[in-house]
């Protein structure tokens, strides 16, 4: 997966917006105003995604390319270096998981 494919996968989800709230190189995807995916436009290509705390630990132990969230709550966020180690389908599953966690945390009136 490259950054264009990643962006296209995130932006087509229901009620998703994108922006640069921190600086001009950190692309953030939100649903109902809450972040679910973050990436830097700088190299190397890394994605930060929200994750269930127990699953986050398991993923970090299993995959060297997954580390605690960079500049994020390390209990709830993982940062993934997209280096070809993980399949595109698995990356999409992790993006979906992050999106679903955020949607589930929203009040019913704000859910897409």
PDB file of N, CA and C in Angstrom:
ATOM      1  N   UNK A   1       0.859  -1.180   0.000  1.00  0.00           N
ATOM      2  CA  UNK A   1       0.000   0.000   0.000  1.00  0.00           C
ATOM      3  C   UNK A   1       0.901   1.238   0.000  1.00  0.00           C
ATOM      4  N   UNK A   2       0.563   2.159  -0.879  1.00  0.00           N
ATOM      5  CA  UNK A   2       1.283   3.420  -0.875  1.00  0.00           C
ATOM      6  C   UNK A   2       0.385   4.505  -0.286  1.00  0.00           C
ATOM      7  N   UNK A   3       0.908   5.701  -0.161  1.00  0.00           N
ATOM      8  CA  UNK A   3       0.168   6.753   0.527  1.00  0.00           C
ATOM      9  C   UNK A   3      -1.111   7.139  -0.218  1.00  0.00           C
ATOM     10  N   UNK A   4      -1.090   7.073  -1.549  1.00  0.00           N
ATOM     11  CA  UNK A   4      -2.294   7.401  -2.313  1.00  0.00           C
ATOM     12  C   UNK A   4      -3.391   6.369  -2.080  1.00  0.00           C
ATOM     13  N   UNK A   5      -3.013   5.089  -2.059  1.00  0.00           N
ATOM     14  CA  UNK A   5      -3.989   4.019  -1.801  1.00  0.00           C
ATOM     15  C   UNK A   5      -4.539   4.127  -0.380  1.00  0.00           C
ATOM     16  N   UNK A   6      -3.662   4.437   0.556  1.00  0.00           N
ATOM     17  CA  UNK A   6      -4.070   4.630   1.947  1.00  0.00           C
ATOM     18  C   UNK A   6      -5.089   5.764   2.054  1.00  0.00           C
ATOM     19  N   UNK A   7      -4.777   6.904   1.433  1.00  0.00           N
ATOM     20  CA  UNK A   7      -5.678   8.053   1.476  1.00  0.00           C
ATOM     21  C   UNK A   7      -7.031   7.707   0.863  1.00  0.00           C
ATOM     22  N   UNK A   8      -7.007   7.065  -0.292  1.00  0.00           N
ATOM     23  CA  UNK A   8      -8.252   6.699  -0.971  1.00  0.00           C
ATOM     24  C   UNK A   8      -9.081   5.742  -0.111  1.00  0.00           C
ATOM     25  N   UNK A   9      -8.431   4.814   0.564  1.00  0.00           N
ATOM     26  CA  UNK A   9      -9.158   3.859   1.411  1.00  0.00           C
ATOM     27  C   UNK A   9      -9.814   4.563   2.598  1.00  0.00           C
ATOM     28  N   UNK A  10      -9.105   5.500   3.192  1.00  0.00           N
ATOM     29  CA  UNK A  10      -9.650   6.214   4.358  1.00  0.00           C
ATOM     30  C   UNK A  10     -10.765   7.180   3.980  1.00  0.00           C
ATOM     31  N   UNK A  11     -10.567   7.941   2.915  1.00  0.00           N
ATOM     32  CA  UNK A  11     -11.479   9.044   2.608  1.00  0.00           C
ATOM     33  C   UNK A  11     -12.850   8.570   2.126  1.00  0.00           C
ATOM     34  N   UNK A  12     -12.959   7.354   1.610  1.00  0.00           N
ATOM     35  CA  UNK A  12     -14.259   6.880   1.108  1.00  0.00           C
ATOM     36  C   UNK A  12     -15.161   6.343   2.210  1.00  0.00           C
ATOM     37  N   UNK A  13     -14.641   6.225   3.407  1.00  0.00           N
ATOM     38  CA  UNK A  13     -15.475   5.753   4.511  1.00  0.00           C
ATOM     39  C   UNK A  13     -16.519   6.819   4.855  1.00  0.00           C
ATOM     40  N   UNK A  14     -17.639   6.377   5.388  1.00  0.00           N
ATOM     41  CA  UNK A  14     -18.747   7.281   5.710  1.00  0.00           C
ATOM     42  C   UNK A  14     -18.337   8.371   6.691  1.00  0.00           C
ATOM     43  N   UNK A  15     -18.700   9.612   6.352  1.00  0.00           N
ATOM     44  CA  UNK A  15     -18.539  10.791   7.212  1.00  0.00           C
ATOM     45  C   UNK A  15     -17.092  11.143   7.524  1.00  0.00           C
ATOM     46  N   UNK A  16     -16.144  10.708   6.695  1.00  0.00           N
ATOM     47  CA  UNK A  16     -14.729  10.986   6.946  1.00  0.00           C
ATOM     48  C   UNK A  16     -14.328  12.308   6.302  1.00  0.00           C
ATOM     49  N   UNK A  17     -13.538  13.057   7.052  1.00  0.00           N
ATOM     50  CA  UNK A  17     -12.927  14.279   6.540  1.00  0.00           C
ATOM     51  C   UNK A  17     -11.417  14.145   6.697  1.00  0.00           C
ATOM     52  N   UNK A  18     -10.700  14.932   5.918  1.00  0.00           N
ATOM     53  CA  UNK A  18      -9.239  14.943   6.024  1.00  0.00           C
ATOM     54  C   UNK A  18      -8.771  16.375   6.187  1.00  0.00           C
ATOM     55  N   UNK A  19      -7.627  16.506   6.810  1.00  0.00           N
ATOM     56  CA  UNK A  19      -7.091  17.844   7.005  1.00  0.00           C
ATOM     57  C   UNK A  19      -5.694  17.797   7.574  1.00  0.00           C
ATOM     58  N   UNK A  20      -5.146  18.994   7.788  1.00  0.00           N
ATOM     59  CA  UNK A  20      -3.802  19.161   8.325  1.00  0.00           C
ATOM     60  C   UNK A  20      -3.878  20.037   9.575  1.00  0.00           C
ATOM     61  N   UNK A  21      -4.430  19.514  10.676  1.00  0.00           N
ATOM     62  CA  UNK A  21      -4.625  20.343  11.868  1.00  0.00           C
ATOM     63  C   UNK A  21      -3.345  20.671  12.637  1.00  0.00           C
ATOM     64  N   UNK A  22      -2.293  19.892  12.448  1.00  0.00           N
ATOM     65  CA  UNK A  22      -1.068  20.076  13.235  1.00  0.00           C
ATOM     66  C   UNK A  22      -0.003  20.860  12.489  1.00  0.00           C
ATOM     67  N   UNK A  23       0.219  20.501  11.232  1.00  0.00           N
ATOM     68  CA  UNK A  23       1.210  21.155  10.378  1.00  0.00           C
ATOM     69  C   UNK A  23       0.893  20.786   8.938  1.00  0.00           C
ATOM     70  N   UNK A  24       1.736  21.199   8.015  1.00  0.00           N
ATOM     71  CA  UNK A  24       1.436  20.974   6.603  1.00  0.00           C
ATOM     72  C   UNK A  24       1.909  19.626   6.080  1.00  0.00           C
ATOM     73  N   UNK A  25       2.450  18.780   6.946  1.00  0.00           N
ATOM     74  CA  UNK A  25       2.901  17.462   6.499  1.00  0.00           C
ATOM     75  C   UNK A  25       2.232  16.313   7.243  1.00  0.00           C
ATOM     76  N   UNK A  26       1.363  16.604   8.196  1.00  0.00           N
ATOM     77  CA  UNK A  26       0.693  15.552   8.958  1.00  0.00           C
ATOM     78  C   UNK A  26      -0.774  15.499   8.559  1.00  0.00           C
ATOM     79  N   UNK A  27      -1.107  14.487   7.764  1.00  0.00           N
ATOM     80  CA  UNK A  27      -2.461  14.304   7.251  1.00  0.00           C
ATOM     81  C   UNK A  27      -3.280  13.513   8.264  1.00  0.00           C
ATOM     82  N   UNK A  28      -4.444  14.057   8.633  1.00  0.00           N
ATOM     83  CA  UNK A  28      -5.297  13.443   9.646  1.00  0.00           C
ATOM     84  C   UNK A  28      -6.672  13.140   9.042  1.00  0.00           C
ATOM     85  N   UNK A  29      -7.147  11.931   9.297  1.00  0.00           N
ATOM     86  CA  UNK A  29      -8.494  11.540   8.892  1.00  0.00           C
ATOM     87  C   UNK A  29      -9.354  11.456  10.142  1.00  0.00           C
ATOM     88  N   UNK A  30     -10.538  12.065  10.047  1.00  0.00           N
ATOM     89  CA  UNK A  30     -11.460  12.100  11.182  1.00  0.00           C
ATOM     90  C   UNK A  30     -12.829  11.621  10.756  1.00  0.00           C
ATOM     91  N   UNK A  31     -13.558  11.073  11.732  1.00  0.00           N
ATOM     92  CA  UNK A  31     -14.970  10.774  11.551  1.00  0.00           C
ATOM     93  C   UNK A  31     -15.692  11.515  12.671  1.00  0.00           C
ATOM     94  N   UNK A  32     -16.652  12.341  12.296  1.00  0.00           N
ATOM     95  CA  UNK A  32     -17.401  13.164  13.261  1.00  0.00           C
ATOM     96  C   UNK A  32     -16.450  13.971  14.153  1.00  0.00           C
ATOM     97  N   UNK A  33     -15.359  14.459  13.571  1.00  0.00           N
ATOM     98  CA  UNK A  33     -14.431  15.305  14.306  1.00  0.00           C
ATOM     99  C   UNK A  33     -13.424  14.579  15.168  1.00  0.00           C
ATOM    100  N   UNK A  34     -13.433  13.241  15.171  1.00  0.00           N
ATOM    101  CA  UNK A  34     -12.490  12.471  15.990  1.00  0.00           C
ATOM    102  C   UNK A  34     -11.507  11.726  15.091  1.00  0.00           C
ATOM    103  N   UNK A  35     -10.229  11.829  15.434  1.00  0.00           N
ATOM    104  CA  UNK A  35      -9.175  11.202  14.635  1.00  0.00           C
ATOM    105  C   UNK A  35      -9.242   9.681  14.697  1.00  0.00           C
ATOM    106  N   UNK A  36      -9.024   9.065  13.520  1.00  0.00           N
ATOM    107  CA  UNK A  36      -8.877   7.608  13.498  1.00  0.00           C
ATOM    108  C   UNK A  36      -7.633   7.173  12.732  1.00  0.00           C
ATOM    109  N   UNK A  37      -7.061   8.060  11.928  1.00  0.00           N
ATOM    110  CA  UNK A  37      -5.857   7.716  11.168  1.00  0.00           C
ATOM    111  C   UNK A  37      -5.022   8.977  10.943  1.00  0.00           C
ATOM    112  N   UNK A  38      -3.707   8.808  11.114  1.00  0.00           N
ATOM    113  CA  UNK A  38      -2.776   9.925  10.971  1.00  0.00           C
ATOM    114  C   UNK A  38      -1.564   9.426  10.192  1.00  0.00           C
ATOM    115  N   UNK A  39      -1.059  10.266   9.313  1.00  0.00           N
ATOM    116  CA  UNK A  39       0.191   9.926   8.634  1.00  0.00           C
ATOM    117  C   UNK A  39       0.976  11.194   8.334  1.00  0.00           C
ATOM    118  N   UNK A  40       2.268  11.027   8.247  1.00  0.00           N
ATOM    119  CA  UNK A  40       3.136  12.127   7.827  1.00  0.00           C
ATOM    120  C   UNK A  40       3.382  11.967   6.334  1.00  0.00           C
ATOM    121  N   UNK A  41       3.419  13.064   5.630  1.00  0.00           N
ATOM    122  CA  UNK A  41       3.722  13.014   4.208  1.00  0.00           C
ATOM    123  C   UNK A  41       5.212  12.841   3.961  1.00  0.00           C
ATOM    124  N   UNK A  42       6.002  12.936   5.034  1.00  0.00           N
ATOM    125  CA  UNK A  42       7.447  12.716   4.932  1.00  0.00           C
ATOM    126  C   UNK A  42       7.742  11.219   4.916  1.00  0.00           C
ATOM    127  N   UNK A  43       8.928  10.882   4.466  1.00  0.00           N
ATOM    128  CA  UNK A  43       9.366   9.489   4.452  1.00  0.00           C
ATOM    129  C   UNK A  43      10.015   9.140   5.779  1.00  0.00           C
ATOM    130  N   UNK A  44      10.023   7.929   6.264  1.00  0.00           N
ATOM    131  CA  UNK A  44       9.331   6.780   5.678  1.00  0.00           C
ATOM    132  C   UNK A  44       7.823   6.871   5.893  1.00  0.00           C
ATOM    133  N   UNK A  45       7.082   6.107   5.107  1.00  0.00           N
ATOM    134  CA  UNK A  45       5.625   6.098   5.178  1.00  0.00           C
ATOM    135  C   UNK A  45       5.192   5.353   6.441  1.00  0.00           C
ATOM    136  N   UNK A  46       4.573   6.113   7.343  1.00  0.00           N
ATOM    137  CA  UNK A  46       4.077   5.554   8.609  1.00  0.00           C
ATOM    138  C   UNK A  46       2.629   5.965   8.794  1.00  0.00           C
ATOM    139  N   UNK A  47       1.861   5.063   9.405  1.00  0.00           N
ATOM    140  CA  UNK A  47       0.449   5.306   9.698  1.00  0.00           C
ATOM    141  C   UNK A  47       0.246   5.117  11.190  1.00  0.00           C
ATOM    142  N   UNK A  48      -0.480   6.026  11.825  1.00  0.00           N
ATOM    143  CA  UNK A  48      -0.869   5.844  13.223  1.00  0.00           C
ATOM    144  C   UNK A  48      -2.369   5.594  13.261  1.00  0.00           C
ATOM    145  N   UNK A  49      -2.737   4.523  13.968  1.00  0.00           N
ATOM    146  CA  UNK A  49      -4.132   4.099  14.042  1.00  0.00           C
ATOM    147  C   UNK A  49      -4.516   3.784  15.472  1.00  0.00           C
ATOM    148  N   UNK A  50      -5.744   4.095  15.813  1.00  0.00           N
ATOM    149  CA  UNK A  50      -6.265   3.743  17.130  1.00  0.00           C
ATOM    150  C   UNK A  50      -6.470   2.227  17.171  1.00  0.00           C
ATOM    151  N   UNK A  51      -6.331   1.654  18.357  1.00  0.00           N
ATOM    152  CA  UNK A  51      -6.425   0.201  18.476  1.00  0.00           C
ATOM    153  C   UNK A  51      -6.906  -0.176  19.875  1.00  0.00           C
ATOM    154  N   UNK A  52      -7.628  -1.265  19.949  1.00  0.00           N
ATOM    155  CA  UNK A  52      -8.005  -1.827  21.240  1.00  0.00           C
ATOM    156  C   UNK A  52      -6.717  -2.078  22.034  1.00  0.00           C
ATOM    157  N   UNK A  53      -6.648  -1.684  23.307  1.00  0.00           N
ATOM    158  CA  UNK A  53      -5.394  -1.782  24.070  1.00  0.00           C
ATOM    159  C   UNK A  53      -4.775  -3.180  24.109  1.00  0.00           C
ATOM    160  N   UNK A  54      -5.589  -4.206  24.294  1.00  0.00           N
ATOM    161  CA  UNK A  54      -5.033  -5.565  24.344  1.00  0.00           C
ATOM    162  C   UNK A  54      -4.504  -5.999  22.980  1.00  0.00           C
ATOM    163  N   UNK A  55      -5.261  -5.670  21.954  1.00  0.00           N
ATOM    164  CA  UNK A  55      -4.820  -6.024  20.600  1.00  0.00           C
ATOM    165  C   UNK A  55      -3.571  -5.232  20.223  1.00  0.00           C
ATOM    166  N   UNK A  56      -3.475  -3.994  20.676  1.00  0.00           N
ATOM    167  CA  UNK A  56      -2.304  -3.163  20.374  1.00  0.00           C
ATOM    168  C   UNK A  56      -1.028  -3.836  20.864  1.00  0.00           C
ATOM    169  N   UNK A  57      -1.070  -4.363  22.070  1.00  0.00           N
ATOM    170  CA  UNK A  57       0.101  -5.045  22.637  1.00  0.00           C
ATOM    171  C   UNK A  57       0.441  -6.290  21.823  1.00  0.00           C
ATOM    172  N   UNK A  58      -0.576  -7.068  21.479  1.00  0.00           N
ATOM    173  CA  UNK A  58      -0.352  -8.293  20.689  1.00  0.00           C
ATOM    174  C   UNK A  58       0.292  -7.968  19.344  1.00  0.00           C
ATOM    175  N   UNK A  59      -0.209  -6.935  18.684  1.00  0.00           N
ATOM    176  CA  UNK A  59       0.332  -6.556  17.378  1.00  0.00           C
ATOM    177  C   UNK A  59       1.789  -6.121  17.488  1.00  0.00           C
ATOM    178  N   UNK A  60       2.108  -5.350  18.524  1.00  0.00           N
ATOM    179  CA  UNK A  60       3.487  -4.888  18.725  1.00  0.00           C
ATOM    180  C   UNK A  60       4.440  -6.049  18.968  1.00  0.00           C
ATOM    181  N   UNK A  61       3.956  -7.051  19.698  1.00  0.00           N
ATOM    182  CA  UNK A  61       4.785  -8.220  19.983  1.00  0.00           C
ATOM    183  C   UNK A  61       4.993  -9.083  18.747  1.00  0.00           C
ATOM    184  N   UNK A  62       4.008  -9.094  17.872  1.00  0.00           N
ATOM    185  CA  UNK A  62       4.039  -9.968  16.703  1.00  0.00           C
ATOM    186  C   UNK A  62       4.745  -9.348  15.492  1.00  0.00           C
ATOM    187  N   UNK A  63       4.650  -8.023  15.338  1.00  0.00           N
ATOM    188  CA  UNK A  63       5.177  -7.365  14.145  1.00  0.00           C
ATOM    189  C   UNK A  63       6.156  -6.245  14.525  1.00  0.00           C
ATOM    190  N   UNK A  64       7.418  -6.377  14.143  1.00  0.00           N
ATOM    191  CA  UNK A  64       8.404  -5.338  14.458  1.00  0.00           C
ATOM    192  C   UNK A  64       8.086  -3.969  13.834  1.00  0.00           C
ATOM    193  N   UNK A  65       7.310  -3.948  12.766  1.00  0.00           N
ATOM    194  CA  UNK A  65       6.981  -2.673  12.104  1.00  0.00           C
ATOM    195  C   UNK A  65       5.869  -1.919  12.834  1.00  0.00           C
ATOM    196  N   UNK A  66       5.301  -2.507  13.890  1.00  0.00           N
ATOM    197  CA  UNK A  66       4.256  -1.845  14.681  1.00  0.00           C
ATOM    198  C   UNK A  66       4.829  -1.489  16.044  1.00  0.00           C
ATOM    199  N   UNK A  67       4.768  -0.190  16.350  1.00  0.00           N
ATOM    200  CA  UNK A  67       5.301   0.308  17.616  1.00  0.00           C
ATOM    201  C   UNK A  67       4.220   1.139  18.317  1.00  0.00           C
ATOM    202  N   UNK A  68       4.421   1.462  19.594  1.00  0.00           N
ATOM    203  CA  UNK A  68       3.462   2.349  20.268  1.00  0.00           C
ATOM    204  C   UNK A  68       3.330   3.669  19.516  1.00  0.00           C
ATOM    205  N   UNK A  69       2.150   4.250  19.558  1.00  0.00           N
ATOM    206  CA  UNK A  69       1.850   5.476  18.812  1.00  0.00           C
ATOM    207  C   UNK A  69       2.848   6.589  19.041  1.00  0.00           C
ATOM    208  N   UNK A  70       3.386   7.113  17.961  1.00  0.00           N
ATOM    209  CA  UNK A  70       4.358   8.199  17.999  1.00  0.00           C
ATOM    210  C   UNK A  70       3.641   9.495  18.349  1.00  0.00           C
ATOM    211  N   UNK A  71       4.012  10.120  19.463  1.00  0.00           N
ATOM    212  CA  UNK A  71       3.393  11.362  19.965  1.00  0.00           C
ATOM    213  C   UNK A  71       1.890  11.195  20.240  1.00  0.00           C
ATOM    214  N   UNK A  72       1.486   9.982  20.608  1.00  0.00           N
ATOM    215  CA  UNK A  72       0.071   9.686  20.876  1.00  0.00           C
ATOM    216  C   UNK A  72      -0.024   8.858  22.151  1.00  0.00           C
ATOM    217  N   UNK A  73      -1.244   8.632  22.615  1.00  0.00           N
ATOM    218  CA  UNK A  73      -1.456   7.771  23.775  1.00  0.00           C
ATOM    219  C   UNK A  73      -0.999   6.360  23.399  1.00  0.00           C
ATOM    220  N   UNK A  74       0.072   5.924  23.990  1.00  0.00           N
ATOM    221  CA  UNK A  74       0.697   4.658  23.612  1.00  0.00           C
ATOM    222  C   UNK A  74      -0.140   3.440  23.975  1.00  0.00           C
ATOM    223  N   UNK A  75      -1.103   3.616  24.837  1.00  0.00           N
ATOM    224  CA  UNK A  75      -1.999   2.518  25.185  1.00  0.00           C
ATOM    225  C   UNK A  75      -3.030   2.292  24.076  1.00  0.00           C
ATOM    226  N   UNK A  76      -3.440   3.371  23.425  1.00  0.00           N
ATOM    227  CA  UNK A  76      -4.557   3.300  22.479  1.00  0.00           C
ATOM    228  C   UNK A  76      -4.173   3.451  21.006  1.00  0.00           C
ATOM    229  N   UNK A  77      -2.934   3.822  20.720  1.00  0.00           N
ATOM    230  CA  UNK A  77      -2.519   4.074  19.348  1.00  0.00           C
ATOM    231  C   UNK A  77      -1.273   3.280  18.990  1.00  0.00           C
ATOM    232  N   UNK A  78      -1.231   2.788  17.755  1.00  0.00           N
ATOM    233  CA  UNK A  78      -0.050   2.148  17.191  1.00  0.00           C
ATOM    234  C   UNK A  78       0.429   2.958  15.999  1.00  0.00           C
ATOM    235  N   UNK A  79       1.733   2.972  15.794  1.00  0.00           N
ATOM    236  CA  UNK A  79       2.313   3.542  14.588  1.00  0.00           C
ATOM    237  C   UNK A  79       2.919   2.395  13.792  1.00  0.00           C
ATOM    238  N   UNK A  80       2.540   2.336  12.524  1.00  0.00           N
ATOM    239  CA  UNK A  80       2.950   1.248  11.641  1.00  0.00           C
ATOM    240  C   UNK A  80       3.845   1.805  10.547  1.00  0.00           C
ATOM    241  N   UNK A  81       5.031   1.251  10.413  1.00  0.00           N
ATOM    242  CA  UNK A  81       5.885   1.595   9.278  1.00  0.00           C
ATOM    243  C   UNK A  81       5.454   0.722   8.118  1.00  0.00           C
ATOM    244  N   UNK A  82       4.999   1.363   7.050  1.00  0.00           N
ATOM    245  CA  UNK A  82       4.510   0.626   5.882  1.00  0.00           C
ATOM    246  C   UNK A  82       5.713   0.331   4.998  1.00  0.00           C
ATOM    247  N   UNK A  83       6.262  -0.877   5.221  1.00  0.00           N
ATOM    248  CA  UNK A  83       7.499  -1.270   4.537  1.00  0.00           C
ATOM    249  C   UNK A  83       7.338  -2.559   3.735  1.00  0.00           C
ATOM    250  N   UNK A  84       6.091  -3.004   3.541  1.00  0.00           N
ATOM    251  CA  UNK A  84       5.848  -4.238   2.796  1.00  0.00           C
ATOM    252  C   UNK A  84       5.752  -5.466   3.679  1.00  0.00           C
ATOM    253  N   UNK A  85       6.024  -5.318   4.959  1.00  0.00           N
ATOM    254  CA  UNK A  85       5.944  -6.452   5.884  1.00  0.00           C
ATOM    255  C   UNK A  85       4.505  -6.936   6.035  1.00  0.00           C
ATOM    256  N   UNK A  86       3.576  -5.996   6.117  1.00  0.00           N
ATOM    257  CA  UNK A  86       2.165  -6.330   6.298  1.00  0.00           C
ATOM    258  C   UNK A  86       1.445  -6.256   4.958  1.00  0.00           C
ATOM    259  N   UNK A  87       0.526  -7.163   4.739  1.00  0.00           N
ATOM    260  CA  UNK A  87      -0.236  -7.155   3.484  1.00  0.00           C
ATOM    261  C   UNK A  87      -1.184  -5.960   3.450  1.00  0.00           C
ATOM    262  N   UNK A  88      -1.576  -5.564   2.250  1.00  0.00           N
ATOM    263  CA  UNK A  88      -2.541  -4.476   2.107  1.00  0.00           C
ATOM    264  C   UNK A  88      -3.859  -4.827   2.784  1.00  0.00           C
ATOM    265  N   UNK A  89      -4.273  -6.081   2.682  1.00  0.00           N
ATOM    266  CA  UNK A  89      -5.528  -6.498   3.324  1.00  0.00           C
ATOM    267  C   UNK A  89      -5.451  -6.352   4.835  1.00  0.00           C
ATOM    268  N   UNK A  90      -4.302  -6.694   5.427  1.00  0.00           N
ATOM    269  CA  UNK A  90      -4.144  -6.562   6.869  1.00  0.00           C
ATOM    270  C   UNK A  90      -4.119  -5.092   7.278  1.00  0.00           C
ATOM    271  N   UNK A  91      -3.446  -4.251   6.496  1.00  0.00           N
ATOM    272  CA  UNK A  91      -3.449  -2.820   6.781  1.00  0.00           C
ATOM    273  C   UNK A  91      -4.868  -2.259   6.711  1.00  0.00           C
ATOM    274  N   UNK A  92      -5.633  -2.688   5.729  1.00  0.00           N
ATOM    275  CA  UNK A  92      -7.023  -2.242   5.615  1.00  0.00           C
ATOM    276  C   UNK A  92      -7.836  -2.703   6.829  1.00  0.00           C
ATOM    277  N   UNK A  93      -7.569  -3.910   7.304  1.00  0.00           N
ATOM    278  CA  UNK A  93      -8.254  -4.407   8.502  1.00  0.00           C
ATOM    279  C   UNK A  93      -7.937  -3.523   9.716  1.00  0.00           C
ATOM    280  N   UNK A  94      -6.684  -3.111   9.845  1.00  0.00           N
ATOM    281  CA  UNK A  94      -6.285  -2.245  10.959  1.00  0.00           C
ATOM    282  C   UNK A  94      -6.915  -0.853  10.834  1.00  0.00           C
ATOM    283  N   UNK A  95      -7.002  -0.338   9.617  1.00  0.00           N
ATOM    284  CA  UNK A  95      -7.670   0.953   9.386  1.00  0.00           C
ATOM    285  C   UNK A  95      -9.149   0.829   9.746  1.00  0.00           C
ATOM    286  N   UNK A  96      -9.777  -0.258   9.307  1.00  0.00           N
ATOM    287  CA  UNK A  96     -11.195  -0.487   9.621  1.00  0.00           C
ATOM    288  C   UNK A  96     -11.414  -0.565  11.128  1.00  0.00           C
ATOM    289  N   UNK A  97     -10.526  -1.266  11.815  1.00  0.00           N
ATOM    290  CA  UNK A  97     -10.634  -1.410  13.267  1.00  0.00           C
ATOM    291  C   UNK A  97     -10.578  -0.040  13.950  1.00  0.00           C
ATOM    292  N   UNK A  98      -9.660   0.798  13.517  1.00  0.00           N
ATOM    293  CA  UNK A  98      -9.534   2.139  14.089  1.00  0.00           C
ATOM    294  C   UNK A  98     -10.805   2.949  13.835  1.00  0.00           C
ATOM    295  N   UNK A  99     -11.275   2.936  12.605  1.00  0.00           N
ATOM    296  CA  UNK A  99     -12.495   3.657  12.243  1.00  0.00           C
ATOM    297  C   UNK A  99     -13.679   3.169  13.083  1.00  0.00           C
ATOM    298  N   UNK A 100     -13.816   1.863  13.203  1.00  0.00           N
ATOM    299  CA  UNK A 100     -14.941   1.288  13.952  1.00  0.00           C
ATOM    300  C   UNK A 100     -14.875   1.623  15.435  1.00  0.00           C
ATOM    301  N   UNK A 101     -13.679   1.665  16.006  1.00  0.00           N
ATOM    302  CA  UNK A 101     -13.541   2.061  17.414  1.00  0.00           C
ATOM    303  C   UNK A 101     -14.057   3.477  17.633  1.00  0.00           C
ATOM    304  N   UNK A 102     -13.712   4.382  16.723  1.00  0.00           N
ATOM    305  CA  UNK A 102     -14.155   5.768  16.852  1.00  0.00           C
ATOM    306  C   UNK A 102     -15.662   5.861  16.680  1.00  0.00           C
ATOM    307  N   UNK A 103     -16.194   5.220  15.659  1.00  0.00           N
ATOM    308  CA  UNK A 103     -17.640   5.264  15.405  1.00  0.00           C
ATOM    309  C   UNK A 103     -18.400   4.714  16.601  1.00  0.00           C
ATOM    310  N   UNK A 104     -17.928   3.621  17.180  1.00  0.00           N
ATOM    311  CA  UNK A 104     -18.612   3.025  18.332  1.00  0.00           C
ATOM    312  C   UNK A 104     -18.591   3.932  19.557  1.00  0.00           C
ATOM    313  N   UNK A 105     -17.596   4.814  19.635  1.00  0.00           N
ATOM    314  CA  UNK A 105     -17.489   5.711  20.792  1.00  0.00           C
ATOM    315  C   UNK A 105     -18.353   6.974  20.640  1.00  0.00           C
ATOM    316  N   UNK A 106     -18.882   7.183  19.462  1.00  0.00           N
ATOM    317  CA  UNK A 106     -19.679   8.386  19.197  1.00  0.00           C
ATOM    318  C   UNK A 106     -21.082   8.254  19.762  1.00  0.00           C
ATOM    319  N   UNK A 107     -21.697   9.361  20.163  1.00  0.00           N
ATOM    320  CA  UNK A 107     -23.115   9.315  20.525  1.00  0.00           C
ATOM    321  C   UNK A 107     -23.918   8.876  19.286  1.00  0.00           C
ATOM    322  N   UNK A 108     -25.016   8.194  19.502  1.00  0.00           N
ATOM    323  CA  UNK A 108     -25.813   7.678  18.375  1.00  0.00           C
ATOM    324  C   UNK A 108     -26.194   8.781  17.386  1.00  0.00           C
ATOM    325  N   UNK A 109     -26.409   9.972  17.883  1.00  0.00           N
ATOM    326  CA  UNK A 109     -26.809  11.077  17.016  1.00  0.00           C
ATOM    327  C   UNK A 109     -25.714  11.510  16.051  1.00  0.00           C
ATOM    328  N   UNK A 110     -24.460  11.162  16.352  1.00  0.00           N
ATOM    329  CA  UNK A 110     -23.337  11.557  15.493  1.00  0.00           C
ATOM    330  C   UNK A 110     -22.775  10.425  14.660  1.00  0.00           C
ATOM    331  N   UNK A 111     -23.294   9.227  14.843  1.00  0.00           N
ATOM    332  CA  UNK A 111     -22.769   8.078  14.091  1.00  0.00           C
ATOM    333  C   UNK A 111     -23.202   8.152  12.633  1.00  0.00           C
ATOM    334  N   UNK A 112     -22.248   7.837  11.738  1.00  0.00           N
ATOM    335  CA  UNK A 112     -22.609   7.845  10.309  1.00  0.00           C
ATOM    336  C   UNK A 112     -23.527   6.689   9.957  1.00  0.00           C
TER     337      UNK A 112
END
